Amino acid sequence: MKSFYNPEYVIEITEKRFAAYSVAYNLVMNKYAILMLFYSGISVSLTPMVRQVIQSSLPGIVWLLSFIVFISLFVGSVIMAIFFLQPVGDVFLPDPEAYHIELRKSKERDTPPNEIPLIQEIDRKLINEYLEDMEKSMKDLERIFNKKKSLYANSFFLVVFSMPAFIICLFLYLLNK
């Protein structure tokens, strides 16, 4: 078993975790097509049903209650889907070149003139800073992924739970027509 005291190992597993979360994030974002199938199917018959509500030619209280339940759940699902699609800032792992060139030179300059910069000490500081920035990026990606996953799940369940009320409304609308 590799040691967590070995910075190279920690960097390696963090990069693997980051790649896994990136793939999972893309898979969640690709599920929007499923929601669009529901929204497209519902939208086709939504206009005539809304027109019937506006014209007050309601076939009864069951239809009206079903319609209110359906619209509430459907609108909630659409709102969640909008938040789901809302762009977020890109999260990237820190660029190693910045640590290798810029930060290293900065650390060497910061060494007092009467001291000889210890390469091992500077290297340890650079690795620690790089690991801290990697963990920050990892936590940001994990937070964004969990938020998107939750928004998709909420949107999906709301649209699925709206389907029975929608089917009742559609059935009663077709009977009244």
Protein backbone atom coordinates (compact mmCIF):
# COMPACT_ATOMS: atom_id res chain seq x y z
CA MET A 1 0.00 0.00 0.00
CA LYS A 2 1.28 3.43 -0.88
CA SER A 3 1.71 6.03 1.83
CA PHE A 4 -0.28 9.22 2.24
CA TYR A 5 2.98 10.75 3.43
CA ASN A 6 4.17 10.50 -0.16
CA PRO A 7 3.03 13.73 -1.90
CA GLU A 8 3.31 12.20 -5.37
CA TYR A 9 0.84 9.50 -4.35
CA VAL A 10 -1.58 12.08 -2.94
CA ILE A 11 -1.33 14.11 -6.15
CA GLU A 12 -1.95 10.98 -8.21
CA ILE A 13 -5.09 9.92 -6.31
CA THR A 14 -6.43 13.48 -6.27
CA GLU A 15 -6.04 13.68 -10.05
CA LYS A 16 -7.86 10.36 -10.41
CA ARG A 17 -10.67 11.57 -8.13
CA PHE A 18 -10.92 14.80 -10.10
CA ALA A 19 -11.17 12.86 -13.38
CA ALA A 20 -13.86 10.57 -11.93
CA TYR A 21 -15.93 13.54 -10.73
CA SER A 22 -15.52 15.25 -14.11
CA VAL A 23 -16.88 12.17 -15.90
CA ALA A 24 -19.76 11.85 -13.41
CA TYR A 25 -20.57 15.56 -13.80
CA ASN A 26 -20.75 15.21 -17.59
CA LEU A 27 -23.00 12.16 -17.26
CA VAL A 28 -25.41 14.07 -15.02
CA MET A 29 -25.46 17.02 -17.41
CA ASN A 30 -26.22 14.68 -20.33
CA LYS A 31 -29.35 13.43 -18.57
CA TYR A 32 -31.12 16.67 -19.47
CA ALA A 33 -32.31 14.95 -22.65
CA ILE A 34 -34.54 12.71 -20.52
CA LEU A 35 -36.23 15.75 -19.00
CA MET A 36 -36.70 17.22 -22.47
CA LEU A 37 -38.61 14.10 -23.54
CA PHE A 38 -41.06 14.59 -20.68
CA TYR A 39 -41.35 18.34 -21.30
CA SER A 40 -41.90 17.87 -25.04
CA GLY A 41 -44.58 15.23 -24.55
CA ILE A 42 -46.43 17.32 -22.00
CA SER A 43 -46.11 20.61 -23.90
CA VAL A 44 -47.93 19.26 -26.93
CA SER A 45 -51.25 19.02 -25.08
CA LEU A 46 -50.67 21.73 -22.48
CA THR A 47 -51.88 24.66 -24.61
CA PRO A 48 -55.41 23.31 -25.23
CA MET A 49 -55.80 22.42 -21.56
CA VAL A 50 -54.71 25.89 -20.44
CA ARG A 51 -57.09 27.42 -22.99
CA GLN A 52 -59.92 25.34 -21.48
CA VAL A 53 -59.06 26.64 -17.98
CA ILE A 54 -58.99 30.26 -19.23
CA GLN A 55 -62.33 29.88 -21.03
CA SER A 56 -63.79 28.44 -17.81
CA SER A 57 -65.34 25.46 -19.54
CA LEU A 58 -64.24 23.15 -16.76
CA PRO A 59 -65.75 19.68 -16.60
CA GLY A 60 -65.61 19.61 -12.79
CA ILE A 61 -63.69 19.96 -9.59
CA VAL A 62 -61.64 16.78 -10.19
CA TRP A 63 -60.32 18.22 -13.43
CA LEU A 64 -59.51 21.57 -11.82
CA LEU A 65 -57.73 19.98 -8.83
CA SER A 66 -55.80 17.63 -11.10
CA PHE A 67 -54.82 20.55 -13.28
CA ILE A 68 -53.61 22.62 -10.30
CA VAL A 69 -51.57 19.70 -8.95
CA PHE A 70 -50.13 19.01 -12.39
CA ILE A 71 -49.22 22.65 -13.11
CA SER A 72 -47.64 23.09 -9.67
CA LEU A 73 -45.43 20.02 -10.04
CA PHE A 74 -44.64 20.74 -13.68
CA VAL A 75 -43.65 24.37 -13.05
CA GLY A 76 -41.54 23.24 -10.07
CA SER A 77 -39.77 20.76 -12.33
CA VAL A 78 -39.12 23.39 -15.00
CA ILE A 79 -37.72 25.79 -12.40
CA MET A 80 -35.38 23.07 -11.09
CA ALA A 81 -34.33 22.30 -14.67
CA ILE A 82 -33.51 25.98 -15.26
CA PHE A 83 -31.28 26.01 -12.18
CA PHE A 84 -29.80 22.70 -13.35
CA LEU A 85 -28.83 24.24 -16.69
CA GLN A 86 -27.52 27.44 -15.16
CA PRO A 87 -23.84 27.68 -16.03
CA VAL A 88 -21.30 27.52 -13.24
CA GLY A 89 -17.68 28.52 -13.30
CA ASP A 90 -15.27 26.01 -14.69
CA VAL A 91 -13.21 24.11 -12.17
CA PHE A 92 -9.74 23.05 -13.18
CA LEU A 93 -6.82 21.53 -11.40
CA PRO A 94 -4.05 24.04 -10.75
CA ASP A 95 -1.46 24.39 -13.49
CA PRO A 96 1.77 22.71 -12.33
CA GLU A 97 3.79 25.06 -14.51
CA ALA A 98 2.78 27.99 -12.31
CA TYR A 99 4.28 26.19 -9.33
CA HIS A 100 7.30 24.94 -11.23
CA ILE A 101 8.31 28.31 -12.64
CA GLU A 102 6.58 31.29 -11.05
CA LEU A 103 6.06 30.19 -7.46
CA ARG A 104 9.45 28.49 -7.28
CA LYS A 105 11.21 31.67 -8.38
CA SER A 106 9.15 33.66 -5.91
CA LYS A 107 10.15 31.33 -3.06
CA GLU A 108 13.80 31.54 -4.10
CA ARG A 109 13.61 35.36 -4.17
CA ASP A 110 11.94 35.40 -0.73
CA THR A 111 14.89 33.57 0.79
CA PRO A 112 17.00 36.04 2.82
CA PRO A 113 20.27 36.95 1.06
CA ASN A 114 22.42 35.52 3.84
CA GLU A 115 20.79 32.07 3.54
CA ILE A 116 21.24 29.50 0.84
CA PRO A 117 17.83 28.37 -0.48
CA LEU A 118 17.33 24.73 0.36
CA ILE A 119 15.93 23.00 -2.69
CA GLN A 120 14.22 20.33 -0.59
CA GLU A 121 12.54 22.95 1.62
CA ILE A 122 11.31 24.97 -1.35
CA ASP A 123 10.16 21.80 -3.08
CA ARG A 124 8.22 20.71 0.02
CA LYS A 125 6.52 24.13 0.25
CA LEU A 126 5.62 24.07 -3.45
CA ILE A 127 4.16 20.57 -3.20
CA ASN A 128 2.15 21.52 -0.11
CA GLU A 129 0.73 24.61 -1.82
CA TYR A 130 -0.05 22.60 -4.93
CA LEU A 131 -1.84 19.94 -2.87
CA GLU A 132 -3.87 22.61 -1.05
CA ASP A 133 -4.95 24.14 -4.35
CA MET A 134 -5.77 20.69 -5.77
CA GLU A 135 -7.96 19.92 -2.75
CA LYS A 136 -9.72 23.28 -3.10
CA SER A 137 -10.44 22.57 -6.78
CA MET A 138 -11.59 19.05 -5.87
CA LYS A 139 -13.99 20.36 -3.21
CA ASP A 140 -15.38 22.96 -5.65
CA LEU A 141 -16.00 20.30 -8.29
CA GLU A 142 -17.57 17.96 -5.73
CA ARG A 143 -19.87 20.75 -4.48
CA ILE A 144 -20.94 21.67 -8.04
CA PHE A 145 -21.48 18.01 -8.96
CA ASN A 146 -23.65 17.34 -5.90
CA LYS A 147 -25.71 20.48 -6.54
CA LYS A 148 -26.31 19.57 -10.20
CA LYS A 149 -27.13 15.98 -9.29
CA SER A 150 -29.64 17.14 -6.69
CA LEU A 151 -31.27 19.64 -9.06
CA TYR A 152 -31.62 16.99 -11.75
CA ALA A 153 -33.10 14.47 -9.31
CA ASN A 154 -35.60 17.02 -7.99
CA SER A 155 -36.59 18.10 -11.49
CA PHE A 156 -36.97 14.51 -12.65
CA PHE A 157 -39.07 13.42 -9.67
CA LEU A 158 -41.32 16.46 -9.90
CA VAL A 159 -42.06 15.83 -13.58
CA VAL A 160 -42.64 12.12 -12.93
CA PHE A 161 -44.96 12.89 -10.00
CA SER A 162 -46.87 15.34 -12.19
CA MET A 163 -47.67 12.61 -14.74
CA PRO A 164 -50.66 10.99 -12.95
CA ALA A 165 -52.34 14.40 -12.58
CA PHE A 166 -51.47 15.18 -16.19
CA ILE A 167 -52.97 11.90 -17.41
CA ILE A 168 -56.19 12.60 -15.44
CA CYS A 169 -56.35 16.10 -16.94
CA LEU A 170 -55.72 14.82 -20.43
CA PHE A 171 -58.32 12.07 -20.07
CA LEU A 172 -60.96 14.49 -18.76
CA TYR A 173 -60.06 17.07 -21.41
CA LEU A 174 -60.50 14.50 -24.18
CA LEU A 175 -63.80 13.31 -22.69
CA ASN A 176 -65.07 16.91 -22.57
CA LYS A 177 -63.95 17.65 -26.09
